[in-house]
Amino acid sequence: MTPKEKAEELVLKFLRIDNDTKEWFHVGLAKQCALIAVDEIILSAPFEPADTDWDEAGSSAQYWYPQKLEDSGKWWAEVKQELEKL
């Protein structure tokens, strides 16, 4: 899924907020909710797994996690940029 597709998916999820009453959010509110959610995802990224003993995990695992964290942060930042374009 591309960052643009994820941005659109998030807005659509927030558009219909209550399936029981079939109430719909305004598109602007749905976009704001999606931006808040993405900001929370970006801010919640831990620095490293708290329960990992790097000596037991092997030397390559010590460098794998920070790279995945960086890649994930970049991807979510791109999702945020796509949301702002909508």
PDB file of N, CA and C in Angstrom:
ATOM      1  N   MET A   1       0.850  -1.161   0.000  1.00  0.00           N
ATOM      2  CA  MET A   1       0.000   0.000   0.000  1.00  0.00           C
ATOM      3  C   MET A   1       0.903   1.234   0.000  1.00  0.00           C
ATOM      4  N   THR A   2       0.572   2.171  -0.840  1.00  0.00           N
ATOM      5  CA  THR A   2       1.354   3.406  -0.904  1.00  0.00           C
ATOM      6  C   THR A   2       0.921   4.360   0.208  1.00  0.00           C
ATOM      7  N   PRO A   3       1.758   5.344   0.534  1.00  0.00           N
ATOM      8  CA  PRO A   3       1.349   6.332   1.528  1.00  0.00           C
ATOM      9  C   PRO A   3       0.059   7.059   1.139  1.00  0.00           C
ATOM     10  N   LYS A   4      -0.113   7.334  -0.149  1.00  0.00           N
ATOM     11  CA  LYS A   4      -1.338   8.007  -0.607  1.00  0.00           C
ATOM     12  C   LYS A   4      -2.561   7.119  -0.372  1.00  0.00           C
ATOM     13  N   GLU A   5      -2.446   5.836  -0.689  1.00  0.00           N
ATOM     14  CA  GLU A   5      -3.558   4.910  -0.471  1.00  0.00           C
ATOM     15  C   GLU A   5      -3.897   4.796   1.013  1.00  0.00           C
ATOM     16  N   LYS A   6      -2.863   4.782   1.856  1.00  0.00           N
ATOM     17  CA  LYS A   6      -3.093   4.694   3.297  1.00  0.00           C
ATOM     18  C   LYS A   6      -3.782   5.955   3.804  1.00  0.00           C
ATOM     19  N   ALA A   7      -3.373   7.110   3.317  1.00  0.00           N
ATOM     20  CA  ALA A   7      -4.001   8.379   3.707  1.00  0.00           C
ATOM     21  C   ALA A   7      -5.482   8.369   3.349  1.00  0.00           C
ATOM     22  N   GLU A   8      -5.798   7.946   2.130  1.00  0.00           N
ATOM     23  CA  GLU A   8      -7.195   7.883   1.690  1.00  0.00           C
ATOM     24  C   GLU A   8      -7.986   6.880   2.518  1.00  0.00           C
ATOM     25  N   GLU A   9      -7.377   5.742   2.832  1.00  0.00           N
ATOM     26  CA  GLU A   9      -8.041   4.722   3.633  1.00  0.00           C
ATOM     27  C   GLU A   9      -8.380   5.264   5.031  1.00  0.00           C
ATOM     28  N   LEU A  10      -7.431   5.962   5.638  1.00  0.00           N
ATOM     29  CA  LEU A  10      -7.670   6.514   6.972  1.00  0.00           C
ATOM     30  C   LEU A  10      -8.815   7.521   6.968  1.00  0.00           C
ATOM     31  N   VAL A  11      -8.844   8.398   5.984  1.00  0.00           N
ATOM     32  CA  VAL A  11      -9.925   9.387   5.908  1.00  0.00           C
ATOM     33  C   VAL A  11     -11.263   8.672   5.738  1.00  0.00           C
ATOM     34  N   LEU A  12     -11.310   7.675   4.885  1.00  0.00           N
ATOM     35  CA  LEU A  12     -12.564   6.936   4.682  1.00  0.00           C
ATOM     36  C   LEU A  12     -13.015   6.236   5.961  1.00  0.00           C
ATOM     37  N   LYS A  13     -12.073   5.728   6.737  1.00  0.00           N
ATOM     38  CA  LYS A  13     -12.432   5.072   7.997  1.00  0.00           C
ATOM     39  C   LYS A  13     -13.044   6.065   8.976  1.00  0.00           C
ATOM     40  N   PHE A  14     -12.548   7.293   8.976  1.00  0.00           N
ATOM     41  CA  PHE A  14     -13.080   8.295   9.886  1.00  0.00           C
ATOM     42  C   PHE A  14     -14.345   8.963   9.357  1.00  0.00           C
ATOM     43  N   LEU A  15     -14.621   8.843   8.079  1.00  0.00           N
ATOM     44  CA  LEU A  15     -15.845   9.437   7.534  1.00  0.00           C
ATOM     45  C   LEU A  15     -17.089   8.797   8.139  1.00  0.00           C
ATOM     46  N   ARG A  16     -17.108   7.483   8.165  1.00  0.00           N
ATOM     47  CA  ARG A  16     -18.239   6.797   8.792  1.00  0.00           C
ATOM     48  C   ARG A  16     -17.794   6.377  10.175  1.00  0.00           C
ATOM     49  N   ILE A  17     -18.261   7.111  11.150  1.00  0.00           N
ATOM     50  CA  ILE A  17     -17.792   6.901  12.505  1.00  0.00           C
ATOM     51  C   ILE A  17     -18.759   6.042  13.314  1.00  0.00           C
ATOM     52  N   ASP A  18     -20.036   6.037  12.991  1.00  0.00           N
ATOM     53  CA  ASP A  18     -21.031   5.311  13.782  1.00  0.00           C
ATOM     54  C   ASP A  18     -21.885   4.470  12.844  1.00  0.00           C
ATOM     55  N   ASN A  19     -21.591   3.198  12.782  1.00  0.00           N
ATOM     56  CA  ASN A  19     -22.325   2.314  11.875  1.00  0.00           C
ATOM     57  C   ASN A  19     -23.773   2.084  12.304  1.00  0.00           C
ATOM     58  N   ASP A  20     -24.079   2.251  13.597  1.00  0.00           N
ATOM     59  CA  ASP A  20     -25.446   2.036  14.073  1.00  0.00           C
ATOM     60  C   ASP A  20     -26.390   3.133  13.597  1.00  0.00           C
ATOM     61  N   THR A  21     -25.947   4.380  13.700  1.00  0.00           N
ATOM     62  CA  THR A  21     -26.827   5.494  13.312  1.00  0.00           C
ATOM     63  C   THR A  21     -26.580   5.943  11.883  1.00  0.00           C
ATOM     64  N   LYS A  22     -25.574   5.388  11.257  1.00  0.00           N
ATOM     65  CA  LYS A  22     -25.206   5.739   9.878  1.00  0.00           C
ATOM     66  C   LYS A  22     -24.835   7.213   9.749  1.00  0.00           C
ATOM     67  N   GLU A  23     -24.299   7.786  10.833  1.00  0.00           N
ATOM     68  CA  GLU A  23     -23.863   9.171  10.790  1.00  0.00           C
ATOM     69  C   GLU A  23     -22.508   9.256  10.101  1.00  0.00           C
ATOM     70  N   TRP A  24     -22.324  10.329   9.356  1.00  0.00           N
ATOM     71  CA  TRP A  24     -21.081  10.549   8.630  1.00  0.00           C
ATOM     72  C   TRP A  24     -20.400  11.801   9.163  1.00  0.00           C
ATOM     73  N   PHE A  25     -19.093  11.743   9.271  1.00  0.00           N
ATOM     74  CA  PHE A  25     -18.306  12.917   9.620  1.00  0.00           C
ATOM     75  C   PHE A  25     -18.166  13.793   8.391  1.00  0.00           C
ATOM     76  N   HIS A  26     -17.949  15.055   8.615  1.00  0.00           N
ATOM     77  CA  HIS A  26     -17.569  15.966   7.542  1.00  0.00           C
ATOM     78  C   HIS A  26     -16.165  15.559   7.085  1.00  0.00           C
ATOM     79  N   VAL A  27     -15.865  15.707   5.816  1.00  0.00           N
ATOM     80  CA  VAL A  27     -14.567  15.294   5.276  1.00  0.00           C
ATOM     81  C   VAL A  27     -13.422  16.001   6.005  1.00  0.00           C
ATOM     82  N   GLY A  28     -13.595  17.279   6.302  1.00  0.00           N
ATOM     83  CA  GLY A  28     -12.544  18.018   7.006  1.00  0.00           C
ATOM     84  C   GLY A  28     -12.273  17.452   8.393  1.00  0.00           C
ATOM     85  N   LEU A  29     -13.339  17.061   9.098  1.00  0.00           N
ATOM     86  CA  LEU A  29     -13.158  16.454  10.416  1.00  0.00           C
ATOM     87  C   LEU A  29     -12.488  15.095  10.303  1.00  0.00           C
ATOM     88  N   ALA A  30     -12.873  14.322   9.306  1.00  0.00           N
ATOM     89  CA  ALA A  30     -12.264  13.001   9.098  1.00  0.00           C
ATOM     90  C   ALA A  30     -10.776  13.147   8.810  1.00  0.00           C
ATOM     91  N   LYS A  31     -10.423  14.148   8.020  1.00  0.00           N
ATOM     92  CA  LYS A  31      -9.017  14.394   7.704  1.00  0.00           C
ATOM     93  C   LYS A  31      -8.251  14.792   8.968  1.00  0.00           C
ATOM     94  N   GLN A  32      -8.842  15.648   9.806  1.00  0.00           N
ATOM     95  CA  GLN A  32      -8.195  16.050  11.049  1.00  0.00           C
ATOM     96  C   GLN A  32      -7.980  14.846  11.971  1.00  0.00           C
ATOM     97  N   CYS A  33      -8.971  13.980  12.060  1.00  0.00           N
ATOM     98  CA  CYS A  33      -8.843  12.773  12.880  1.00  0.00           C
ATOM     99  C   CYS A  33      -7.714  11.885  12.364  1.00  0.00           C
ATOM    100  N   ALA A  34      -7.630  11.723  11.055  1.00  0.00           N
ATOM    101  CA  ALA A  34      -6.582  10.895  10.458  1.00  0.00           C
ATOM    102  C   ALA A  34      -5.201  11.501  10.740  1.00  0.00           C
ATOM    103  N   LEU A  35      -5.094  12.826  10.653  1.00  0.00           N
ATOM    104  CA  LEU A  35      -3.818  13.485  10.946  1.00  0.00           C
ATOM    105  C   LEU A  35      -3.421  13.288  12.409  1.00  0.00           C
ATOM    106  N   ILE A  36      -4.378  13.388  13.303  1.00  0.00           N
ATOM    107  CA  ILE A  36      -4.094  13.169  14.723  1.00  0.00           C
ATOM    108  C   ILE A  36      -3.618  11.729  14.936  1.00  0.00           C
ATOM    109  N   ALA A  37      -4.288  10.784  14.305  1.00  0.00           N
ATOM    110  CA  ALA A  37      -3.903   9.379  14.449  1.00  0.00           C
ATOM    111  C   ALA A  37      -2.485   9.139  13.946  1.00  0.00           C
ATOM    112  N   VAL A  38      -2.147   9.704  12.795  1.00  0.00           N
ATOM    113  CA  VAL A  38      -0.806   9.523  12.230  1.00  0.00           C
ATOM    114  C   VAL A  38       0.235  10.191  13.123  1.00  0.00           C
ATOM    115  N   ASP A  39      -0.066  11.378  13.643  1.00  0.00           N
ATOM    116  CA  ASP A  39       0.866  12.031  14.562  1.00  0.00           C
ATOM    117  C   ASP A  39       1.124  11.159  15.789  1.00  0.00           C
ATOM    118  N   GLU A  40       0.067  10.543  16.310  1.00  0.00           N
ATOM    119  CA  GLU A  40       0.224   9.671  17.480  1.00  0.00           C
ATOM    120  C   GLU A  40       1.070   8.441  17.150  1.00  0.00           C
ATOM    121  N   ILE A  41       0.897   7.904  15.966  1.00  0.00           N
ATOM    122  CA  ILE A  41       1.707   6.754  15.544  1.00  0.00           C
ATOM    123  C   ILE A  41       3.173   7.159  15.466  1.00  0.00           C
ATOM    124  N   ILE A  42       3.441   8.309  14.858  1.00  0.00           N
ATOM    125  CA  ILE A  42       4.823   8.783  14.722  1.00  0.00           C
ATOM    126  C   ILE A  42       5.445   9.028  16.099  1.00  0.00           C
ATOM    127  N   LEU A  43       4.698   9.655  16.990  1.00  0.00           N
ATOM    128  CA  LEU A  43       5.230   9.989  18.312  1.00  0.00           C
ATOM    129  C   LEU A  43       5.371   8.778  19.235  1.00  0.00           C
ATOM    130  N   SER A  44       4.651   7.707  18.963  1.00  0.00           N
ATOM    131  CA  SER A  44       4.670   6.562  19.861  1.00  0.00           C
ATOM    132  C   SER A  44       5.790   5.567  19.568  1.00  0.00           C
ATOM    133  N   ALA A  45       6.561   5.784  18.532  1.00  0.00           N
ATOM    134  CA  ALA A  45       7.608   4.837  18.163  1.00  0.00           C
ATOM    135  C   ALA A  45       8.635   4.714  19.285  1.00  0.00           C
ATOM    136  N   PRO A  46       8.829   3.505  19.814  1.00  0.00           N
ATOM    137  CA  PRO A  46       9.823   3.315  20.875  1.00  0.00           C
ATOM    138  C   PRO A  46      11.238   3.394  20.307  1.00  0.00           C
ATOM    139  N   PHE A  47      12.182   3.685  21.160  1.00  0.00           N
ATOM    140  CA  PHE A  47      13.564   3.777  20.712  1.00  0.00           C
ATOM    141  C   PHE A  47      14.164   2.411  20.433  1.00  0.00           C
ATOM    142  N   GLU A  48      13.779   1.419  21.201  1.00  0.00           N
ATOM    143  CA  GLU A  48      14.238   0.050  20.974  1.00  0.00           C
ATOM    144  C   GLU A  48      13.339  -0.891  21.774  1.00  0.00           C
ATOM    145  N   PRO A  49      13.284  -2.139  21.399  1.00  0.00           N
ATOM    146  CA  PRO A  49      12.457  -3.066  22.176  1.00  0.00           C
ATOM    147  C   PRO A  49      12.995  -3.152  23.603  1.00  0.00           C
ATOM    148  N   ALA A  50      12.140  -2.936  24.578  1.00  0.00           N
ATOM    149  CA  ALA A  50      12.567  -2.890  25.973  1.00  0.00           C
ATOM    150  C   ALA A  50      13.021  -4.253  26.488  1.00  0.00           C
ATOM    151  N   ASP A  51      12.507  -5.332  25.916  1.00  0.00           N
ATOM    152  CA  ASP A  51      12.811  -6.655  26.457  1.00  0.00           C
ATOM    153  C   ASP A  51      13.865  -7.407  25.650  1.00  0.00           C
ATOM    154  N   THR A  52      14.602  -6.718  24.806  1.00  0.00           N
ATOM    155  CA  THR A  52      15.592  -7.399  23.972  1.00  0.00           C
ATOM    156  C   THR A  52      16.964  -7.359  24.623  1.00  0.00           C
ATOM    157  N   ASP A  53      17.560  -8.511  24.758  1.00  0.00           N
ATOM    158  CA  ASP A  53      18.945  -8.618  25.204  1.00  0.00           C
ATOM    159  C   ASP A  53      19.787  -8.730  23.938  1.00  0.00           C
ATOM    160  N   TRP A  54      20.470  -7.637  23.564  1.00  0.00           N
ATOM    161  CA  TRP A  54      21.170  -7.606  22.284  1.00  0.00           C
ATOM    162  C   TRP A  54      22.258  -8.669  22.187  1.00  0.00           C
ATOM    163  N   ASP A  55      22.843  -9.064  23.314  1.00  0.00           N
ATOM    164  CA  ASP A  55      23.868 -10.114  23.278  1.00  0.00           C
ATOM    165  C   ASP A  55      23.262 -11.439  22.828  1.00  0.00           C
ATOM    166  N   GLU A  56      22.025 -11.713  23.258  1.00  0.00           N
ATOM    167  CA  GLU A  56      21.374 -12.962  22.884  1.00  0.00           C
ATOM    168  C   GLU A  56      20.708 -12.873  21.509  1.00  0.00           C
ATOM    169  N   ALA A  57      20.370 -11.659  21.071  1.00  0.00           N
ATOM    170  CA  ALA A  57      19.669 -11.491  19.805  1.00  0.00           C
ATOM    171  C   ALA A  57      20.602 -11.618  18.608  1.00  0.00           C
ATOM    172  N   GLY A  58      21.886 -11.458  18.820  1.00  0.00           N
ATOM    173  CA  GLY A  58      22.829 -11.513  17.711  1.00  0.00           C
ATOM    174  C   GLY A  58      23.153 -10.106  17.244  1.00  0.00           C
ATOM    175  N   SER A  59      24.328  -9.927  16.740  1.00  0.00           N
ATOM    176  CA  SER A  59      24.789  -8.582  16.402  1.00  0.00           C
ATOM    177  C   SER A  59      23.977  -7.932  15.285  1.00  0.00           C
ATOM    178  N   SER A  60      23.494  -8.719  14.313  1.00  0.00           N
ATOM    179  CA  SER A  60      22.740  -8.109  13.210  1.00  0.00           C
ATOM    180  C   SER A  60      21.394  -7.573  13.684  1.00  0.00           C
ATOM    181  N   ALA A  61      20.777  -8.210  14.683  1.00  0.00           N
ATOM    182  CA  ALA A  61      19.490  -7.748  15.188  1.00  0.00           C
ATOM    183  C   ALA A  61      19.613  -6.377  15.827  1.00  0.00           C
ATOM    184  N   GLN A  62      20.772  -6.073  16.385  1.00  0.00           N
ATOM    185  CA  GLN A  62      20.974  -4.793  17.044  1.00  0.00           C
ATOM    186  C   GLN A  62      20.835  -3.646  16.041  1.00  0.00           C
ATOM    187  N   TYR A  63      21.190  -3.858  14.796  1.00  0.00           N
ATOM    188  CA  TYR A  63      21.127  -2.808  13.788  1.00  0.00           C
ATOM    189  C   TYR A  63      19.863  -2.888  12.940  1.00  0.00           C
ATOM    190  N   TRP A  64      19.221  -4.044  12.937  1.00  0.00           N
ATOM    191  CA  TRP A  64      18.009  -4.228  12.146  1.00  0.00           C
ATOM    192  C   TRP A  64      16.870  -3.363  12.677  1.00  0.00           C
ATOM    193  N   TYR A  65      16.649  -3.380  13.990  1.00  0.00           N
ATOM    194  CA  TYR A  65      15.512  -2.666  14.563  1.00  0.00           C
ATOM    195  C   TYR A  65      15.573  -1.158  14.309  1.00  0.00           C
ATOM    196  N   PRO A  66      16.692  -0.482  14.556  1.00  0.00           N
ATOM    197  CA  PRO A  66      16.724   0.962  14.286  1.00  0.00           C
ATOM    198  C   PRO A  66      16.439   1.287  12.824  1.00  0.00           C
ATOM    199  N   GLN A  67      16.886   0.438  11.901  1.00  0.00           N
ATOM    200  CA  GLN A  67      16.623   0.701  10.486  1.00  0.00           C
ATOM    201  C   GLN A  67      15.135   0.567  10.187  1.00  0.00           C
ATOM    202  N   LYS A  68      14.488  -0.459  10.735  1.00  0.00           N
ATOM    203  CA  LYS A  68      13.051  -0.632  10.528  1.00  0.00           C
ATOM    204  C   LYS A  68      12.288   0.532  11.143  1.00  0.00           C
ATOM    205  N   LEU A  69      12.708   1.000  12.305  1.00  0.00           N
ATOM    206  CA  LEU A  69      12.071   2.132  12.965  1.00  0.00           C
ATOM    207  C   LEU A  69      12.198   3.383  12.098  1.00  0.00           C
ATOM    208  N   GLU A  70      13.369   3.598  11.537  1.00  0.00           N
ATOM    209  CA  GLU A  70      13.594   4.753  10.666  1.00  0.00           C
ATOM    210  C   GLU A  70      12.735   4.643   9.399  1.00  0.00           C
ATOM    211  N   ASP A  71      12.698   3.457   8.786  1.00  0.00           N
ATOM    212  CA  ASP A  71      11.884   3.260   7.582  1.00  0.00           C
ATOM    213  C   ASP A  71      10.406   3.502   7.868  1.00  0.00           C
ATOM    214  N   SER A  72       9.939   2.996   8.997  1.00  0.00           N
ATOM    215  CA  SER A  72       8.545   3.173   9.377  1.00  0.00           C
ATOM    216  C   SER A  72       8.227   4.643   9.612  1.00  0.00           C
ATOM    217  N   GLY A  73       9.117   5.344  10.291  1.00  0.00           N
ATOM    218  CA  GLY A  73       8.914   6.776  10.530  1.00  0.00           C
ATOM    219  C   GLY A  73       8.826   7.570   9.242  1.00  0.00           C
ATOM    220  N   LYS A  74       9.679   7.233   8.283  1.00  0.00           N
ATOM    221  CA  LYS A  74       9.647   7.917   6.984  1.00  0.00           C
ATOM    222  C   LYS A  74       8.327   7.643   6.264  1.00  0.00           C
ATOM    223  N   TRP A  75       7.868   6.388   6.320  1.00  0.00           N
ATOM    224  CA  TRP A  75       6.640   6.019   5.624  1.00  0.00           C
ATOM    225  C   TRP A  75       5.444   6.762   6.218  1.00  0.00           C
ATOM    226  N   TRP A  76       5.352   6.796   7.558  1.00  0.00           N
ATOM    227  CA  TRP A  76       4.246   7.505   8.195  1.00  0.00           C
ATOM    228  C   TRP A  76       4.325   9.005   7.944  1.00  0.00           C
ATOM    229  N   ALA A  77       5.535   9.554   7.832  1.00  0.00           N
ATOM    230  CA  ALA A  77       5.683  10.970   7.488  1.00  0.00           C
ATOM    231  C   ALA A  77       5.144  11.225   6.079  1.00  0.00           C
ATOM    232  N   GLU A  78       5.359  10.286   5.172  1.00  0.00           N
ATOM    233  CA  GLU A  78       4.816  10.407   3.814  1.00  0.00           C
ATOM    234  C   GLU A  78       3.290  10.312   3.833  1.00  0.00           C
ATOM    235  N   VAL A  79       2.743   9.432   4.676  1.00  0.00           N
ATOM    236  CA  VAL A  79       1.289   9.334   4.816  1.00  0.00           C
ATOM    237  C   VAL A  79       0.744  10.680   5.294  1.00  0.00           C
ATOM    238  N   LYS A  80       1.414  11.294   6.255  1.00  0.00           N
ATOM    239  CA  LYS A  80       0.986  12.596   6.780  1.00  0.00           C
ATOM    240  C   LYS A  80       1.004  13.650   5.664  1.00  0.00           C
ATOM    241  N   GLN A  81       2.034  13.648   4.848  1.00  0.00           N
ATOM    242  CA  GLN A  81       2.115  14.604   3.730  1.00  0.00           C
ATOM    243  C   GLN A  81       0.957  14.388   2.757  1.00  0.00           C
ATOM    244  N   GLU A  82       0.624  13.141   2.479  1.00  0.00           N
ATOM    245  CA  GLU A  82      -0.496  12.844   1.576  1.00  0.00           C
ATOM    246  C   GLU A  82      -1.820  13.299   2.189  1.00  0.00           C
ATOM    247  N   LEU A  83      -1.979  13.121   3.498  1.00  0.00           N
ATOM    248  CA  LEU A  83      -3.195  13.595   4.165  1.00  0.00           C
ATOM    249  C   LEU A  83      -3.318  15.105   4.042  1.00  0.00           C
ATOM    250  N   GLU A  84      -2.221  15.805   4.202  1.00  0.00           N
ATOM    251  CA  GLU A  84      -2.245  17.262   4.112  1.00  0.00           C
ATOM    252  C   GLU A  84      -2.589  17.743   2.714  1.00  0.00           C
ATOM    253  N   LYS A  85      -2.303  16.930   1.703  1.00  0.00           N
ATOM    254  CA  LYS A  85      -2.622  17.281   0.310  1.00  0.00           C
ATOM    255  C   LYS A  85      -4.108  17.101  -0.007  1.00  0.00           C
ATOM    256  N   LEU A  86      -4.794  16.221   0.746  1.00  0.00           N
ATOM    257  CA  LEU A  86      -6.189  15.923   0.460  1.00  0.00           C
ATOM    258  C   LEU A  86      -7.076  17.121   0.716  1.00  0.00           C
TER     259      LEU A  86
END
